[in-house]
């Protein structure tokens, strides 16, 4: 995993795709416990995009899984905030 992270950080999309494959099911299950089935795919995708864009900032003080799931949790919160704002309009 450390080699994949290093390669992905250097811009290797294939290495990042391997990380996605490693965590796809677990990340989906994590978000299914927090979102409706209709919203899971969108938030998963937003989480992966955010992880790819933020990967150069991953400082390895935590495990990759922990870092990724914190991004997903923040995207979940963003999702609920945007629904709240939309409902208030």
C-alpha atoms as a PDB file:
ATOM      1  CA  UNK A   1       0.000   0.000   0.000  1.00  0.00           C
ATOM      2  CA  UNK A   2       2.827   2.422   0.793  1.00  0.00           C
ATOM      3  CA  UNK A   3       4.208   2.043  -2.740  1.00  0.00           C
ATOM      4  CA  UNK A   4       0.782   2.669  -4.236  1.00  0.00           C
ATOM      5  CA  UNK A   5       0.355   5.786  -2.094  1.00  0.00           C
ATOM      6  CA  UNK A   6       3.794   7.089  -3.065  1.00  0.00           C
ATOM      7  CA  UNK A   7       3.143   6.430  -6.752  1.00  0.00           C
ATOM      8  CA  UNK A   8      -0.324   7.971  -6.624  1.00  0.00           C
ATOM      9  CA  UNK A   9       1.064  11.015  -4.831  1.00  0.00           C
ATOM     10  CA  UNK A  10       3.500  11.387  -7.729  1.00  0.00           C
ATOM     11  CA  UNK A  11       0.526  11.384 -10.120  1.00  0.00           C
ATOM     12  CA  UNK A  12       0.273   7.694 -11.052  1.00  0.00           C
ATOM     13  CA  UNK A  13      -3.423   7.241 -11.767  1.00  0.00           C
ATOM     14  CA  UNK A  14      -3.102   3.467 -12.027  1.00  0.00           C
ATOM     15  CA  UNK A  15      -1.702   3.274  -8.482  1.00  0.00           C
ATOM     16  CA  UNK A  16      -4.590   5.407  -7.253  1.00  0.00           C
ATOM     17  CA  UNK A  17      -7.051   3.133  -9.064  1.00  0.00           C
ATOM     18  CA  UNK A  18      -5.528   0.211  -7.146  1.00  0.00           C
ATOM     19  CA  UNK A  19      -6.145   2.048  -3.885  1.00  0.00           C
ATOM     20  CA  UNK A  20      -9.722   2.695  -4.987  1.00  0.00           C
ATOM     21  CA  UNK A  21     -10.131  -1.016  -5.661  1.00  0.00           C
ATOM     22  CA  UNK A  22      -8.732  -1.880  -2.253  1.00  0.00           C
ATOM     23  CA  UNK A  23     -11.150   0.359  -0.355  1.00  0.00           C
ATOM     24  CA  UNK A  24     -14.206   0.569  -2.631  1.00  0.00           C
ATOM     25  CA  UNK A  25     -16.453  -1.908  -0.827  1.00  0.00           C
ATOM     26  CA  UNK A  26     -15.496  -0.808   2.661  1.00  0.00           C
ATOM     27  CA  UNK A  27     -16.005   2.869   1.806  1.00  0.00           C
ATOM     28  CA  UNK A  28     -19.413   2.152   0.260  1.00  0.00           C
ATOM     29  CA  UNK A  29     -20.475   0.180   3.336  1.00  0.00           C
ATOM     30  CA  UNK A  30     -19.283   3.016   5.598  1.00  0.00           C
ATOM     31  CA  UNK A  31     -21.369   5.557   3.684  1.00  0.00           C
ATOM     32  CA  UNK A  32     -24.416   3.264   3.352  1.00  0.00           C
ATOM     33  CA  UNK A  33     -24.701   3.390   7.143  1.00  0.00           C
ATOM     34  CA  UNK A  34     -24.936   7.180   6.952  1.00  0.00           C
ATOM     35  CA  UNK A  35     -26.797   7.959   3.726  1.00  0.00           C
ATOM     36  CA  UNK A  36     -29.762   6.806   1.714  1.00  0.00           C
ATOM     37  CA  UNK A  37     -28.988   4.331  -1.059  1.00  0.00           C
ATOM     38  CA  UNK A  38     -29.758   7.032  -3.628  1.00  0.00           C
ATOM     39  CA  UNK A  39     -26.984   9.272  -2.298  1.00  0.00           C
ATOM     40  CA  UNK A  40     -24.188   6.790  -1.648  1.00  0.00           C
ATOM     41  CA  UNK A  41     -22.716   6.661  -5.161  1.00  0.00           C
ATOM     42  CA  UNK A  42     -22.489  10.439  -5.442  1.00  0.00           C
ATOM     43  CA  UNK A  43     -20.794  10.860  -2.071  1.00  0.00           C
ATOM     44  CA  UNK A  44     -18.406   7.973  -2.781  1.00  0.00           C
ATOM     45  CA  UNK A  45     -17.411   9.657  -6.037  1.00  0.00           C
ATOM     46  CA  UNK A  46     -16.982  13.037  -4.332  1.00  0.00           C
ATOM     47  CA  UNK A  47     -14.821  11.358  -1.685  1.00  0.00           C
ATOM     48  CA  UNK A  48     -12.509   9.771  -4.262  1.00  0.00           C
ATOM     49  CA  UNK A  49     -12.167  13.010  -6.200  1.00  0.00           C
ATOM     50  CA  UNK A  50     -11.328  14.871  -2.997  1.00  0.00           C
ATOM     51  CA  UNK A  51      -8.816  12.184  -2.007  1.00  0.00           C
ATOM     52  CA  UNK A  52      -7.107  12.349  -5.419  1.00  0.00           C
ATOM     53  CA  UNK A  53      -6.923  16.141  -5.255  1.00  0.00           C
ATOM     54  CA  UNK A  54      -5.671  16.121  -1.652  1.00  0.00           C
ATOM     55  CA  UNK A  55      -3.244  13.236  -1.965  1.00  0.00           C
ATOM     56  CA  UNK A  56      -0.170  15.514  -2.140  1.00  0.00           C
ATOM     57  CA  UNK A  57      -1.183  16.775   1.319  1.00  0.00           C
ATOM     58  CA  UNK A  58      -1.419  13.285   2.834  1.00  0.00           C
ATOM     59  CA  UNK A  59       1.374  13.399   5.403  1.00  0.00           C
ATOM     60  CA  UNK A  60       1.216   9.777   6.571  1.00  0.00           C
ATOM     61  CA  UNK A  61       0.749  10.699  10.223  1.00  0.00           C
ATOM     62  CA  UNK A  62      -2.371   8.550  10.021  1.00  0.00           C
ATOM     63  CA  UNK A  63      -3.154   5.458   8.025  1.00  0.00           C
ATOM     64  CA  UNK A  64      -4.445   5.979   4.502  1.00  0.00           C
ATOM     65  CA  UNK A  65      -7.728   4.319   5.460  1.00  0.00           C
ATOM     66  CA  UNK A  66      -8.250   6.735   8.350  1.00  0.00           C
ATOM     67  CA  UNK A  67      -7.458   9.708   6.124  1.00  0.00           C
ATOM     68  CA  UNK A  68      -9.773   8.480   3.357  1.00  0.00           C
ATOM     69  CA  UNK A  69     -12.669   7.798   5.714  1.00  0.00           C
ATOM     70  CA  UNK A  70     -12.331  11.228   7.303  1.00  0.00           C
ATOM     71  CA  UNK A  71     -12.661  12.733   3.826  1.00  0.00           C
ATOM     72  CA  UNK A  72     -15.747  10.586   3.218  1.00  0.00           C
ATOM     73  CA  UNK A  73     -17.263  11.608   6.533  1.00  0.00           C
ATOM     74  CA  UNK A  74     -16.715  15.275   5.672  1.00  0.00           C
ATOM     75  CA  UNK A  75     -18.321  14.734   2.255  1.00  0.00           C
ATOM     76  CA  UNK A  76     -21.263  13.101   4.019  1.00  0.00           C
ATOM     77  CA  UNK A  77     -21.595  16.151   6.249  1.00  0.00           C
ATOM     78  CA  UNK A  78     -21.356  18.431   3.203  1.00  0.00           C
ATOM     79  CA  UNK A  79     -24.144  16.425   1.597  1.00  0.00           C
ATOM     80  CA  UNK A  80     -26.460  16.917   4.575  1.00  0.00           C
ATOM     81  CA  UNK A  81     -25.572  20.615   4.828  1.00  0.00           C
ATOM     82  CA  UNK A  82     -26.398  21.176   1.165  1.00  0.00           C
ATOM     83  CA  UNK A  83     -29.745  19.402   1.600  1.00  0.00           C
ATOM     84  CA  UNK A  84     -30.542  21.572   4.620  1.00  0.00           C
ATOM     85  CA  UNK A  85     -29.733  24.748   2.701  1.00  0.00           C
ATOM     86  CA  UNK A  86     -31.785  23.601  -0.282  1.00  0.00           C
ATOM     87  CA  UNK A  87     -34.750  22.788   1.974  1.00  0.00           C
ATOM     88  CA  UNK A  88     -34.623  26.262   3.516  1.00  0.00           C
ATOM     89  CA  UNK A  89     -34.978  27.964   0.140  1.00  0.00           C
END
